[in-house]
Amino acid sequence: MEKLTAIIPVGNEEHNIRAVLESVGFADEIMVVDSLGTDKTIEIAKEYTDFIIQRQYIYSASQKNWAIPLGNIQWILLVDADERVTPELRDEIIELLKNPKKDIVGYWIYRTNYFMGKQIKFSGLKNDKVVRLFKKDFCKYEEKHVHAEIIANGKLSYLKNKFIHNTYTNINDHITKLNRYAEWQAKDYDQKTGALTPYHFFIKPTWGFFKHYIIQAGFRDGKRGFFISWFRMYAILMRYVKLWLLRKNLK
């Protein structure tokens, strides 16, 4: 059986760290990548692993690309602090590593998303998936500030079982997260976006809401579907507001 390193990037995740570490307890090596947080995350993590490394956080892809080569095992399972490996997913990974396919360098893993304490089945999240099980010598994250995905030098496949993904802590933290992501996205969009017009500030945010709420059936998720769609509209608007501020050298 091939061995496995689980990598957990964290930053002030004391409310999440114990559960996520317990869910990856089957891994041969557990690496916690701390972004110099100030809460009890590291204190709790030391109950589960001695492999704790720290680095000032720049953005997600940068942090992960720095950490991945430091693992001592070829196969990597990267799990964010707000994700959980289910027993079914754990068993599937174990079986896969007993006889891994030679031509596969990584696997997409679907996610079951929860928002405000309830599973979200629509709202643009129905087919949410990420590449999180992969060979470290063949995969790296693209250099994007937000929503970077794995670039694989080889073939990718799919796992059948899913992560549990808890996307929401509280309203204040969620809006803070959206604003932070918008600021990072502004940097990614600066080189590929022309002059900002009413299209960016009105049509694109409105379309984002319509797409998630109507086309992707967010209305079927009830009030939570409405909130997700509204937050999507807000995130798009703030992306271009932040881009406008960036170009004006304003804050």
Protein backbone atom coordinates (compact mmCIF):
# COMPACT_ATOMS: atom_id res chain seq x y z
CA MET A 1 0.00 0.00 0.00
CA GLU A 2 1.23 3.48 -0.90
CA LYS A 3 1.66 5.86 2.03
CA LEU A 4 -0.12 9.20 2.37
CA THR A 5 0.59 12.69 3.69
CA ALA A 6 -2.39 14.76 4.80
CA ILE A 7 -1.80 18.53 4.59
CA ILE A 8 -4.05 20.88 6.57
CA PRO A 9 -3.59 24.64 5.92
CA VAL A 10 -4.84 26.67 8.88
CA GLY A 11 -5.11 30.21 10.20
CA ASN A 12 -6.99 30.77 13.47
CA GLU A 13 -9.02 27.57 13.05
CA GLU A 14 -9.41 26.44 16.66
CA HIS A 15 -13.12 25.84 16.00
CA ASN A 16 -12.31 23.46 13.13
CA ILE A 17 -8.90 21.95 13.73
CA ARG A 18 -9.77 19.03 16.00
CA ALA A 19 -12.51 17.66 13.75
CA VAL A 20 -10.51 17.93 10.53
CA LEU A 21 -7.43 16.30 12.10
CA GLU A 22 -9.51 13.43 13.42
CA SER A 23 -10.95 12.91 9.94
CA VAL A 24 -7.45 12.45 8.43
CA GLY A 25 -6.13 10.27 11.23
CA PHE A 26 -5.64 7.36 8.80
CA ALA A 27 -2.81 9.20 6.98
CA ASP A 28 0.78 8.09 7.55
CA GLU A 29 1.93 11.68 7.96
CA ILE A 30 -0.08 14.75 8.98
CA MET A 31 1.30 18.21 8.19
CA VAL A 32 -0.34 21.32 9.63
CA VAL A 33 0.56 24.51 7.75
CA ASP A 34 -0.10 27.46 10.05
CA SER A 35 -0.36 31.06 8.84
CA LEU A 36 0.97 32.51 12.10
CA GLY A 37 -2.45 32.48 13.73
CA THR A 38 -3.00 33.79 17.24
CA ASP A 39 -5.62 31.42 18.66
CA LYS A 40 -5.25 27.88 20.08
CA THR A 41 -5.04 26.10 16.71
CA ILE A 42 -1.42 25.01 17.13
CA GLU A 43 -1.92 23.98 20.75
CA ILE A 44 -4.71 21.64 19.67
CA ALA A 45 -2.87 20.43 16.56
CA LYS A 46 0.08 19.26 18.70
CA GLU A 47 -2.23 16.63 20.20
CA TYR A 48 -2.35 14.99 16.75
CA THR A 49 0.97 15.69 15.01
CA ASP A 50 4.47 17.07 15.50
CA PHE A 51 4.72 18.08 11.85
CA ILE A 52 3.70 21.73 12.17
CA ILE A 53 5.22 24.38 9.92
CA GLN A 54 4.56 28.10 9.89
CA ARG A 55 4.74 30.80 7.24
CA GLN A 56 3.28 34.25 6.78
CA TYR A 57 0.14 33.94 4.67
CA ILE A 58 0.25 35.57 1.23
CA TYR A 59 -2.56 33.76 -0.56
CA SER A 60 -3.86 30.21 -0.63
CA ALA A 61 -2.08 28.85 -3.72
CA SER A 62 1.24 30.30 -2.57
CA GLN A 63 0.88 28.71 0.87
CA LYS A 64 -0.04 25.31 -0.54
CA ASN A 65 2.68 25.29 -3.21
CA TRP A 66 5.23 26.10 -0.51
CA ALA A 67 4.03 23.29 1.75
CA ILE A 68 3.45 20.44 -0.73
CA PRO A 69 7.15 19.74 -1.51
CA LEU A 70 7.90 19.55 2.23
CA GLY A 71 5.87 16.36 2.60
CA ASN A 72 7.93 13.18 2.90
CA ILE A 73 5.50 11.02 0.91
CA GLN A 74 4.54 11.10 -2.77
CA TRP A 75 0.77 10.95 -2.31
CA ILE A 76 -0.83 14.07 -0.82
CA LEU A 77 -4.33 14.54 0.56
CA LEU A 78 -4.92 18.28 1.04
CA VAL A 79 -7.88 19.13 3.26
CA ASP A 80 -8.95 22.64 4.22
CA ALA A 81 -9.85 23.23 7.87
CA ASP A 82 -13.56 23.58 7.06
CA GLU A 83 -13.63 20.22 5.24
CA ARG A 84 -14.04 16.70 6.63
CA VAL A 85 -13.04 13.33 5.21
CA THR A 86 -16.03 11.04 5.65
CA PRO A 87 -15.51 7.38 6.64
CA GLU A 88 -16.66 6.38 3.14
CA LEU A 89 -14.13 8.69 1.49
CA ARG A 90 -11.41 7.48 3.86
CA ASP A 91 -12.09 3.84 2.95
CA GLU A 92 -12.09 4.64 -0.77
CA ILE A 93 -8.72 6.40 -0.51
CA ILE A 94 -7.23 3.50 1.46
CA GLU A 95 -8.42 0.99 -1.16
CA LEU A 96 -7.12 3.15 -3.98
CA LEU A 97 -3.65 3.40 -2.42
CA LYS A 98 -3.42 -0.37 -2.10
CA ASN A 99 -3.19 -0.60 -5.87
CA PRO A 100 -2.95 2.88 -7.43
CA LYS A 101 -3.34 3.24 -11.18
CA LYS A 102 0.01 3.99 -12.77
CA ASP A 103 -1.29 6.62 -15.21
CA ILE A 104 -3.28 8.67 -12.66
CA VAL A 105 -1.53 11.55 -10.86
CA GLY A 106 -4.51 13.03 -9.04
CA TYR A 107 -8.19 12.77 -8.23
CA TRP A 108 -11.14 15.15 -8.19
CA ILE A 109 -13.19 14.92 -5.00
CA TYR A 110 -16.76 16.20 -4.92
CA ARG A 111 -18.01 18.15 -1.90
CA THR A 112 -21.27 18.09 0.02
CA ASN A 113 -21.68 21.73 1.07
CA TYR A 114 -23.37 23.02 4.20
CA PHE A 115 -24.38 26.66 4.69
CA MET A 116 -25.96 28.06 7.84
CA GLY A 117 -26.22 24.54 9.23
CA LYS A 118 -28.06 22.94 6.33
CA GLN A 119 -26.99 20.98 3.26
CA ILE A 120 -27.09 22.98 0.02
CA LYS A 121 -28.17 20.88 -2.95
CA PHE A 122 -28.39 23.57 -5.64
CA SER A 123 -27.33 27.27 -5.76
CA GLY A 124 -24.38 26.55 -8.06
CA LEU A 125 -22.85 24.03 -5.65
CA LYS A 126 -24.47 20.84 -6.94
CA ASN A 127 -21.34 19.63 -8.75
CA ASP A 128 -18.72 21.34 -6.60
CA LYS A 129 -15.40 19.47 -6.80
CA VAL A 130 -11.70 20.00 -6.13
CA VAL A 131 -8.46 18.11 -6.87
CA ARG A 132 -7.17 17.18 -3.43
CA LEU A 133 -5.64 13.71 -3.70
CA PHE A 134 -2.55 13.87 -5.89
CA LYS A 135 1.12 13.02 -6.41
CA LYS A 136 3.26 15.92 -5.22
CA ASP A 137 5.85 15.59 -8.01
CA PHE A 138 3.21 15.93 -10.71
CA CYS A 139 0.82 18.57 -9.37
CA LYS A 140 0.90 22.19 -8.21
CA TYR A 141 -1.59 25.01 -7.77
CA GLU A 142 -1.95 27.67 -10.43
CA GLU A 143 -0.71 31.08 -9.33
CA LYS A 144 -4.04 32.76 -8.64
CA HIS A 145 -4.95 34.67 -5.51
CA VAL A 146 -8.44 33.12 -5.26
CA HIS A 147 -9.98 29.80 -6.32
CA ALA A 148 -6.73 28.40 -7.73
CA GLU A 149 -6.97 24.83 -8.98
CA ILE A 150 -4.39 22.10 -9.44
CA ILE A 151 -2.29 22.04 -12.61
CA ALA A 152 -1.50 18.38 -13.24
CA ASN A 153 1.31 16.97 -15.34
CA GLY A 154 -0.64 13.81 -16.09
CA LYS A 155 -4.10 12.30 -16.02
CA LEU A 156 -6.76 13.08 -13.42
CA SER A 157 -9.64 10.85 -12.35
CA TYR A 158 -12.57 11.03 -9.91
CA LEU A 159 -13.39 9.57 -6.52
CA LYS A 160 -16.94 8.41 -5.82
CA ASN A 161 -17.26 9.63 -2.24
CA LYS A 162 -17.32 13.25 -1.09
CA PHE A 163 -15.85 15.70 1.37
CA ILE A 164 -18.12 17.40 3.87
CA HIS A 165 -17.59 21.15 3.42
CA ASN A 166 -18.83 23.62 6.04
CA THR A 167 -18.66 26.94 4.23
CA TYR A 168 -20.15 29.19 6.89
CA THR A 169 -19.25 30.16 10.47
CA ASN A 170 -21.23 33.36 11.08
CA ILE A 171 -22.45 36.31 9.05
CA ASN A 172 -19.67 38.72 10.07
CA ASP A 173 -16.90 36.25 9.26
CA HIS A 174 -18.55 35.35 5.96
CA ILE A 175 -18.77 38.97 4.78
CA THR A 176 -15.19 39.58 5.93
CA LYS A 177 -14.12 36.55 3.89
CA LEU A 178 -15.98 37.81 0.81
CA ASN A 179 -14.31 41.22 1.10
CA ARG A 180 -10.89 39.62 1.51
CA TYR A 181 -11.44 37.39 -1.52
CA ALA A 182 -12.65 40.38 -3.56
CA GLU A 183 -9.44 42.25 -2.80
CA TRP A 184 -7.33 39.29 -3.89
CA GLN A 185 -9.45 38.71 -7.01
CA ALA A 186 -8.98 42.33 -8.01
CA LYS A 187 -5.26 41.57 -8.41
CA ASP A 188 -6.01 38.54 -10.58
CA TYR A 189 -8.49 40.48 -12.74
CA ASP A 190 -6.39 43.61 -13.18
CA GLN A 191 -4.43 42.23 -16.15
CA LYS A 192 -7.41 40.71 -17.95
CA THR A 193 -10.09 43.34 -17.39
CA GLY A 194 -10.37 46.41 -19.59
CA ALA A 195 -11.87 49.73 -18.59
CA LEU A 196 -14.47 49.39 -15.86
CA THR A 197 -17.99 50.31 -16.95
CA PRO A 198 -21.55 50.04 -15.60
CA TYR A 199 -21.50 46.51 -17.07
CA HIS A 200 -19.06 45.45 -14.34
CA PHE A 201 -20.87 47.21 -11.49
CA PHE A 202 -24.49 46.45 -12.40
CA ILE A 203 -24.98 43.80 -15.10
CA LYS A 204 -22.38 41.27 -13.95
CA PRO A 205 -23.47 41.27 -10.27
CA THR A 206 -27.15 41.06 -11.28
CA TRP A 207 -26.38 38.20 -13.66
CA GLY A 208 -24.48 36.43 -10.85
CA PHE A 209 -27.56 36.53 -8.65
CA PHE A 210 -29.88 35.42 -11.48
CA LYS A 211 -27.57 32.58 -12.47
CA HIS A 212 -27.30 31.13 -8.96
CA TYR A 213 -30.87 31.74 -7.86
CA ILE A 214 -32.81 30.95 -11.04
CA ILE A 215 -30.68 29.02 -13.55
CA GLN A 216 -28.87 26.95 -10.92
CA ALA A 217 -32.06 26.59 -8.86
CA GLY A 218 -30.95 28.38 -5.72
CA PHE A 219 -34.62 28.99 -4.97
CA ARG A 220 -34.89 25.26 -4.24
CA ASP A 221 -32.55 25.76 -1.27
CA GLY A 222 -35.03 28.15 0.35
CA LYS A 223 -33.80 31.19 2.25
CA ARG A 224 -30.25 29.86 2.25
CA GLY A 225 -30.33 29.69 -1.54
CA PHE A 226 -31.40 33.33 -1.65
CA PHE A 227 -28.61 34.32 0.73
CA ILE A 228 -25.98 32.40 -1.27
CA SER A 229 -27.15 34.06 -4.49
CA TRP A 230 -27.14 37.49 -2.84
CA PHE A 231 -23.63 36.90 -1.47
CA ARG A 232 -22.54 35.89 -4.96
CA MET A 233 -23.87 39.17 -6.33
CA TYR A 234 -22.12 41.09 -3.53
CA ALA A 235 -18.83 39.26 -4.16
CA ILE A 236 -18.86 40.13 -7.87
CA LEU A 237 -19.67 43.77 -7.17
CA MET A 238 -16.92 44.06 -4.56
CA ARG A 239 -14.41 42.43 -6.92
CA TYR A 240 -14.80 45.34 -9.33
CA VAL A 241 -15.05 47.95 -6.59
CA LYS A 242 -11.74 46.66 -5.23
CA LEU A 243 -10.28 46.66 -8.74
CA TRP A 244 -11.37 50.27 -9.24
CA LEU A 245 -9.76 51.19 -5.89
CA LEU A 246 -6.60 49.30 -6.83
CA ARG A 247 -6.25 51.20 -10.09
CA LYS A 248 -6.86 54.50 -8.31
CA ASN A 249 -4.35 53.62 -5.57
CA LEU A 250 -7.11 54.01 -3.02
CA LYS A 251 -8.19 51.80 -0.12
